[in-house]
N, C-alpha and C. Protein backbone atom coordinates (compact mmCIF):
# COMPACT_ATOMS: atom_id res chain seq x y z
N MET A 1 -125.23 93.56 -239.84
CA MET A 1 -124.72 91.86 -239.72
C MET A 1 -124.84 91.30 -241.04
N SER A 2 -123.88 90.68 -241.55
CA SER A 2 -123.75 89.92 -242.72
C SER A 2 -124.76 88.50 -242.73
N ARG A 3 -125.23 88.15 -243.60
CA ARG A 3 -126.06 86.90 -243.25
C ARG A 3 -125.57 85.65 -243.79
N THR A 4 -123.93 85.97 -244.48
CA THR A 4 -122.48 84.71 -244.79
C THR A 4 -121.86 85.33 -244.15
N GLN A 5 -120.87 84.88 -242.20
CA GLN A 5 -120.22 84.82 -242.09
C GLN A 5 -119.62 83.29 -241.40
N PHE A 6 -117.85 83.39 -241.51
CA PHE A 6 -117.54 82.00 -240.74
C PHE A 6 -117.16 81.95 -238.98
N ILE A 7 -118.06 81.17 -238.64
CA ILE A 7 -118.50 80.75 -237.32
C ILE A 7 -117.26 79.66 -236.57
N GLU A 8 -116.42 79.77 -235.42
CA GLU A 8 -115.66 78.55 -234.99
C GLU A 8 -116.33 77.34 -234.33
N HIS A 9 -116.45 76.42 -234.32
CA HIS A 9 -116.98 75.14 -233.78
C HIS A 9 -115.94 74.27 -233.60
N LYS A 10 -115.42 74.10 -232.54
CA LYS A 10 -114.90 73.24 -231.49
C LYS A 10 -113.37 73.12 -232.33
N GLY A 11 -112.80 74.23 -232.67
CA GLY A 11 -111.79 75.03 -233.18
C GLY A 11 -112.35 74.68 -234.63
N LYS A 12 -112.60 74.32 -235.34
CA LYS A 12 -112.91 74.47 -236.86
C LYS A 12 -114.00 75.55 -237.08
N ARG A 13 -113.31 75.87 -238.44
CA ARG A 13 -114.04 77.30 -239.13
C ARG A 13 -114.78 76.36 -240.11
N ILE A 14 -116.51 77.53 -240.14
CA ILE A 14 -117.61 76.62 -240.70
C ILE A 14 -118.09 78.40 -241.40
N LEU A 15 -118.88 78.00 -242.60
CA LEU A 15 -119.22 79.24 -243.22
C LEU A 15 -120.47 79.06 -242.79
N LEU A 16 -121.12 79.83 -242.16
CA LEU A 16 -122.53 79.78 -241.87
C LEU A 16 -123.66 81.23 -242.88
N MET A 17 -124.37 80.33 -243.20
CA MET A 17 -125.21 80.98 -244.85
C MET A 17 -126.57 81.31 -244.25
N ASP A 18 -126.74 81.92 -243.49
CA ASP A 18 -128.26 82.14 -242.83
C ASP A 18 -129.40 83.00 -243.61
N PHE A 19 -130.07 81.41 -244.27
CA PHE A 19 -131.24 82.63 -245.09
C PHE A 19 -132.30 82.51 -244.72
N SER A 20 -131.90 81.92 -243.19
CA SER A 20 -133.40 81.86 -242.61
C SER A 20 -134.58 82.75 -242.17
N ASN A 21 -135.73 82.91 -242.78
CA ASN A 21 -136.99 84.45 -242.39
C ASN A 21 -136.64 84.78 -243.60
N VAL A 22 -136.09 84.39 -244.66
CA VAL A 22 -136.09 85.71 -245.56
C VAL A 22 -137.39 85.04 -246.60
N LEU A 23 -137.91 86.39 -246.35
CA LEU A 23 -139.50 85.92 -247.17
C LEU A 23 -139.79 86.94 -248.38
N ASN A 24 -138.55 87.96 -248.92
CA ASN A 24 -138.54 88.39 -250.45
C ASN A 24 -137.91 87.33 -251.09
N PRO A 25 -138.24 87.15 -252.23
CA PRO A 25 -136.99 86.39 -253.24
C PRO A 25 -136.32 87.41 -253.50
N ASP A 26 -136.24 88.79 -253.44
CA ASP A 26 -135.17 89.25 -254.37
C ASP A 26 -133.97 89.66 -252.71
N ASP A 27 -135.12 90.18 -251.93
CA ASP A 27 -133.10 89.49 -250.66
C ASP A 27 -132.84 88.23 -250.92
N GLY A 28 -133.66 87.71 -250.93
CA GLY A 28 -132.48 86.10 -250.80
C GLY A 28 -132.19 86.42 -252.34
N LEU A 29 -132.37 86.05 -253.18
CA LEU A 29 -130.97 86.19 -254.30
C LEU A 29 -129.84 87.54 -254.23
N ARG A 30 -130.46 88.23 -253.48
CA ARG A 30 -128.94 89.23 -252.97
C ARG A 30 -128.10 88.43 -251.94
N TYR A 31 -128.74 88.23 -251.47
CA TYR A 31 -127.85 86.91 -249.80
C TYR A 31 -127.26 85.81 -250.85
N ILE A 32 -127.73 85.17 -251.86
CA ILE A 32 -127.14 83.76 -252.42
C ILE A 32 -125.50 84.55 -253.18
N GLU A 33 -126.09 85.53 -253.61
CA GLU A 33 -124.87 86.32 -254.16
C GLU A 33 -123.83 86.71 -253.24
N GLU A 34 -124.33 87.52 -252.42
CA GLU A 34 -123.13 87.79 -251.54
C GLU A 34 -122.42 86.29 -250.92
N ALA A 35 -123.40 85.29 -250.80
CA ALA A 35 -122.44 84.16 -250.29
C ALA A 35 -121.73 83.18 -251.07
N ARG A 36 -122.11 83.42 -252.43
CA ARG A 36 -121.24 83.06 -253.42
C ARG A 36 -119.73 83.90 -253.84
N ALA A 37 -119.82 85.52 -253.79
CA ALA A 37 -118.71 86.06 -253.53
C ALA A 37 -117.58 85.36 -252.63
N VAL A 38 -118.39 85.41 -251.24
CA VAL A 38 -117.56 84.92 -249.95
C VAL A 38 -117.34 83.06 -249.93
N VAL A 39 -117.47 82.67 -251.03
CA VAL A 39 -117.33 81.19 -251.24
C VAL A 39 -116.03 81.19 -251.91
N ALA A 40 -116.54 82.19 -253.45
CA ALA A 40 -115.33 82.18 -254.16
C ALA A 40 -113.79 82.77 -254.04
N ARG A 41 -113.73 83.04 -252.38
CA ARG A 41 -112.48 83.98 -252.32
C ARG A 41 -111.78 82.33 -251.39
N GLN A 42 -112.12 81.72 -251.00
CA GLN A 42 -111.50 80.37 -250.73
C GLN A 42 -111.11 79.74 -251.42
N PRO A 43 -109.77 78.94 -250.43
CA PRO A 43 -109.28 78.20 -251.55
C PRO A 43 -110.41 76.78 -251.87
N GLU A 44 -110.07 75.89 -252.88
CA GLU A 44 -110.73 74.89 -253.15
C GLU A 44 -110.18 73.97 -251.56
N HIS A 45 -111.54 73.27 -251.66
CA HIS A 45 -111.34 72.13 -250.75
C HIS A 45 -111.00 72.66 -249.60
N SER A 46 -111.77 73.93 -249.28
CA SER A 46 -111.38 74.20 -247.68
C SER A 46 -112.80 74.53 -247.29
N LEU A 47 -113.95 74.42 -247.04
CA LEU A 47 -115.44 75.30 -246.73
C LEU A 47 -115.91 74.21 -246.26
N ARG A 48 -116.01 74.06 -244.75
CA ARG A 48 -117.55 73.58 -243.95
C ARG A 48 -118.93 74.25 -244.28
N THR A 49 -119.88 74.01 -245.15
CA THR A 49 -120.66 74.93 -245.25
C THR A 49 -121.74 74.72 -244.62
N LEU A 50 -122.45 75.54 -243.75
CA LEU A 50 -124.19 75.34 -243.15
C LEU A 50 -125.06 76.24 -243.56
N VAL A 51 -125.51 75.78 -244.40
CA VAL A 51 -127.19 76.79 -244.97
C VAL A 51 -128.38 76.75 -243.73
N TYR A 52 -128.99 77.71 -242.98
CA TYR A 52 -130.01 77.68 -242.45
C TYR A 52 -131.20 78.33 -243.16
N VAL A 53 -131.90 77.73 -243.32
CA VAL A 53 -133.17 78.29 -243.87
C VAL A 53 -134.10 78.01 -243.29
N GLU A 54 -134.47 77.97 -242.20
CA GLU A 54 -135.88 77.74 -241.73
C GLU A 54 -136.89 79.15 -241.77
N GLY A 55 -138.05 79.50 -241.98
CA GLY A 55 -138.92 80.32 -242.22
C GLY A 55 -138.65 80.78 -243.72
N ALA A 56 -137.78 80.39 -244.50
CA ALA A 56 -137.65 81.28 -246.09
C ALA A 56 -138.72 80.43 -246.56
N ARG A 57 -138.80 82.20 -247.33
CA ARG A 57 -139.87 81.48 -248.56
C ARG A 57 -139.32 81.31 -250.24
N PHE A 58 -139.33 80.27 -250.75
CA PHE A 58 -138.80 80.05 -251.95
C PHE A 58 -139.60 80.16 -253.54
N ASP A 59 -139.00 80.57 -254.05
CA ASP A 59 -139.61 80.68 -255.74
C ASP A 59 -139.01 79.87 -256.46
N ALA A 60 -139.20 79.89 -257.82
CA ALA A 60 -138.79 79.47 -259.09
C ALA A 60 -137.61 79.71 -259.31
N ARG A 61 -137.18 81.36 -259.10
CA ARG A 61 -135.86 81.91 -259.14
C ARG A 61 -134.93 81.59 -257.93
N ILE A 62 -135.49 81.42 -256.91
CA ILE A 62 -134.55 81.04 -255.90
C ILE A 62 -134.03 79.75 -256.11
N SER A 63 -134.87 78.76 -256.27
CA SER A 63 -134.63 77.43 -256.45
C SER A 63 -133.59 77.45 -257.59
N ARG A 64 -133.44 77.56 -258.64
CA ARG A 64 -132.39 77.84 -259.20
C ARG A 64 -131.15 78.50 -258.99
N ALA A 65 -131.03 79.44 -258.33
CA ALA A 65 -130.70 80.55 -257.70
C ALA A 65 -129.43 79.67 -257.13
N LEU A 66 -130.21 78.60 -256.12
CA LEU A 66 -129.71 77.71 -254.81
C LEU A 66 -128.97 76.61 -256.22
N LYS A 67 -129.39 76.08 -256.92
CA LYS A 67 -128.99 74.98 -257.72
C LYS A 67 -127.45 75.36 -258.43
N ASP A 68 -127.78 76.71 -259.06
CA ASP A 68 -126.54 77.03 -259.79
C ASP A 68 -125.59 77.32 -258.42
N PHE A 69 -125.85 77.83 -257.33
CA PHE A 69 -124.48 78.30 -255.96
C PHE A 69 -124.06 77.23 -255.68
N ALA A 70 -125.15 75.65 -255.44
CA ALA A 70 -124.47 74.65 -255.00
C ALA A 70 -123.21 74.37 -255.89
N MET A 71 -123.68 74.07 -257.23
CA MET A 71 -122.84 74.15 -258.15
C MET A 71 -121.50 74.69 -258.42
N HIS A 72 -121.58 76.07 -258.10
CA HIS A 72 -120.86 76.62 -258.43
C HIS A 72 -119.74 76.60 -256.72
N ASN A 73 -120.14 75.94 -255.52
CA ASN A 73 -119.87 75.64 -254.35
C ASN A 73 -119.11 74.28 -254.30
N LYS A 74 -119.15 73.35 -255.49
CA LYS A 74 -118.65 72.69 -255.53
C LYS A 74 -117.15 72.22 -255.41
N PRO A 75 -116.65 72.96 -256.04
CA PRO A 75 -115.12 72.81 -255.61
C PRO A 75 -114.31 73.15 -254.64
N PHE A 76 -114.77 74.04 -253.52
CA PHE A 76 -114.27 74.86 -252.88
C PHE A 76 -114.89 74.37 -251.25
N VAL A 77 -115.80 72.95 -250.96
CA VAL A 77 -116.44 72.96 -249.98
C VAL A 77 -115.73 70.84 -249.80
N ILE A 78 -115.64 70.98 -248.37
CA ILE A 78 -115.63 69.81 -248.09
C ILE A 78 -116.90 69.04 -247.25
N ALA A 79 -117.34 69.66 -247.29
CA ALA A 79 -118.74 69.11 -246.83
C ALA A 79 -119.65 70.02 -246.23
N SER A 80 -120.64 70.05 -247.14
CA SER A 80 -122.35 71.26 -246.40
C SER A 80 -123.51 69.99 -245.54
N ALA A 81 -124.25 70.90 -244.58
CA ALA A 81 -125.22 70.41 -244.09
C ALA A 81 -125.93 71.46 -244.59
N VAL A 82 -127.46 71.36 -244.01
CA VAL A 82 -128.78 72.09 -243.99
C VAL A 82 -129.98 71.92 -242.73
N VAL A 83 -129.96 73.27 -242.16
CA VAL A 83 -131.08 73.19 -241.28
C VAL A 83 -132.09 74.00 -241.51
N GLY A 84 -133.20 73.46 -240.83
CA GLY A 84 -134.53 74.36 -241.13
C GLY A 84 -135.53 74.04 -242.93
N LEU A 85 -135.52 73.23 -242.73
CA LEU A 85 -135.60 72.48 -244.13
C LEU A 85 -137.51 72.16 -243.18
N SER A 86 -138.39 73.00 -244.35
CA SER A 86 -139.81 72.32 -244.18
C SER A 86 -140.20 71.60 -245.70
N GLY A 87 -141.36 70.92 -245.85
CA GLY A 87 -141.90 70.38 -247.32
C GLY A 87 -140.75 70.85 -248.54
N LEU A 88 -141.28 71.82 -248.92
CA LEU A 88 -141.13 72.15 -250.28
C LEU A 88 -139.36 72.88 -250.17
N HIS A 89 -138.83 73.00 -248.84
CA HIS A 89 -137.65 72.92 -248.80
C HIS A 89 -136.91 71.64 -249.28
N ARG A 90 -137.59 70.09 -248.60
CA ARG A 90 -137.04 69.27 -249.51
C ARG A 90 -137.14 69.18 -250.85
N VAL A 91 -137.98 69.56 -251.38
CA VAL A 91 -138.50 69.41 -252.80
C VAL A 91 -137.27 70.22 -253.65
N VAL A 92 -136.65 71.77 -252.71
CA VAL A 92 -135.67 71.89 -253.77
C VAL A 92 -134.68 71.37 -253.12
N LEU A 93 -134.06 70.92 -251.96
CA LEU A 93 -132.88 70.61 -251.46
C LEU A 93 -132.63 69.22 -252.73
N ASN A 94 -133.48 68.19 -252.45
CA ASN A 94 -133.52 67.10 -253.64
C ASN A 94 -133.15 67.42 -254.71
N ALA A 95 -133.68 68.52 -255.48
CA ALA A 95 -133.68 69.04 -257.01
C ALA A 95 -131.62 69.24 -256.84
N VAL A 96 -131.62 70.09 -255.53
CA VAL A 96 -130.06 70.55 -256.00
C VAL A 96 -129.49 69.28 -255.63
N THR A 97 -129.53 68.44 -255.03
CA THR A 97 -128.30 67.55 -254.82
C THR A 97 -128.28 66.71 -256.16
N THR A 98 -129.85 65.92 -256.90
CA THR A 98 -129.34 65.64 -258.26
C THR A 98 -128.65 66.22 -258.95
N PHE A 99 -129.15 68.17 -259.22
CA PHE A 99 -128.30 68.33 -260.11
C PHE A 99 -126.48 68.20 -259.92
N THR A 100 -126.31 68.51 -258.64
CA THR A 100 -125.19 68.68 -258.43
C THR A 100 -124.14 67.46 -258.16
N ARG A 101 -125.08 66.22 -257.71
CA ARG A 101 -124.13 64.72 -256.95
C ARG A 101 -123.22 65.12 -256.21
N ARG A 102 -124.09 66.40 -254.94
CA ARG A 102 -123.63 66.58 -254.10
C ARG A 102 -124.03 65.79 -253.01
N HIS A 103 -123.67 65.34 -251.77
CA HIS A 103 -124.16 64.64 -250.39
C HIS A 103 -124.48 66.33 -249.91
N ILE A 104 -125.38 66.69 -249.21
CA ILE A 104 -125.79 67.75 -248.49
C ILE A 104 -127.30 66.88 -247.53
N PRO A 105 -126.50 66.77 -246.39
CA PRO A 105 -127.47 65.68 -245.21
C PRO A 105 -128.12 66.86 -244.53
N THR A 106 -128.89 66.80 -243.95
CA THR A 106 -130.32 67.68 -243.23
C THR A 106 -129.75 67.20 -242.06
N PHE A 107 -130.15 68.62 -240.81
CA PHE A 107 -130.25 67.87 -239.15
C PHE A 107 -131.62 69.22 -238.47
N ALA A 108 -131.32 68.20 -237.70
CA ALA A 108 -132.69 69.39 -237.19
C ALA A 108 -132.33 70.46 -236.30
N THR A 109 -131.01 70.43 -236.20
CA THR A 109 -130.68 71.72 -235.40
C THR A 109 -129.33 72.19 -235.69
N LEU A 110 -129.22 73.81 -235.08
CA LEU A 110 -127.91 74.14 -235.69
C LEU A 110 -126.70 73.23 -235.19
N ASP A 111 -127.19 73.09 -233.86
CA ASP A 111 -125.91 72.33 -232.78
C ASP A 111 -125.21 71.44 -233.91
N ALA A 112 -126.27 70.06 -234.30
CA ALA A 112 -126.40 69.00 -234.44
C ALA A 112 -125.33 68.88 -235.81
N ALA A 113 -125.50 69.46 -236.48
CA ALA A 113 -125.46 70.19 -237.86
C ALA A 113 -123.84 70.18 -237.39
N LYS A 114 -123.55 71.47 -237.09
CA LYS A 114 -122.03 71.85 -236.52
C LYS A 114 -121.58 70.77 -236.21
N ASP A 115 -122.20 69.63 -235.14
CA ASP A 115 -121.24 68.59 -234.53
C ASP A 115 -120.52 67.79 -236.02
N TRP A 116 -121.67 67.39 -236.53
CA TRP A 116 -121.48 67.11 -237.86
C TRP A 116 -120.02 67.16 -238.50
N LEU A 117 -120.31 68.24 -239.11
CA LEU A 117 -119.48 69.39 -240.24
C LEU A 117 -117.75 68.99 -239.41
N VAL A 118 -118.02 69.46 -238.18
CA VAL A 118 -116.44 69.51 -237.44
C VAL A 118 -115.82 67.97 -237.64
N GLU A 119 -116.65 67.30 -237.97
CA GLU A 119 -116.07 65.46 -237.90
C GLU A 119 -115.81 65.37 -239.43
N GLN A 120 -116.02 65.97 -240.56
CA GLN A 120 -115.93 65.67 -241.48
C GLN A 120 -114.27 66.44 -242.02
N GLU A 121 -113.72 65.21 -243.27
CA GLU A 121 -112.63 65.93 -243.42
C GLU A 121 -112.40 65.56 -244.82
């Protein structure tokens, strides 16, 4: 099963990018590229994205790739949310949001993030 897939929540489509428990940076880079390909096939300003990172390991390559990925996604996204952040993840997210000038809120649970995403227009 792909780590990037569309799910439905309250009648709205959300693109779930599940990077949880990815321990090998090479795998993480591959999953980011797979997600980028899915995003690139969508119409502009059409996506609600949910990124799940609980238990994932980040290194400098992953951090750079996530910044590039978030910038790439900007024209396609209505709203984004992140779930599962640890201390290092928060540092990376702060760098991503500063670099991309995107608002990407964090949530404690997938359900809370999904509920928020479906309310965004």
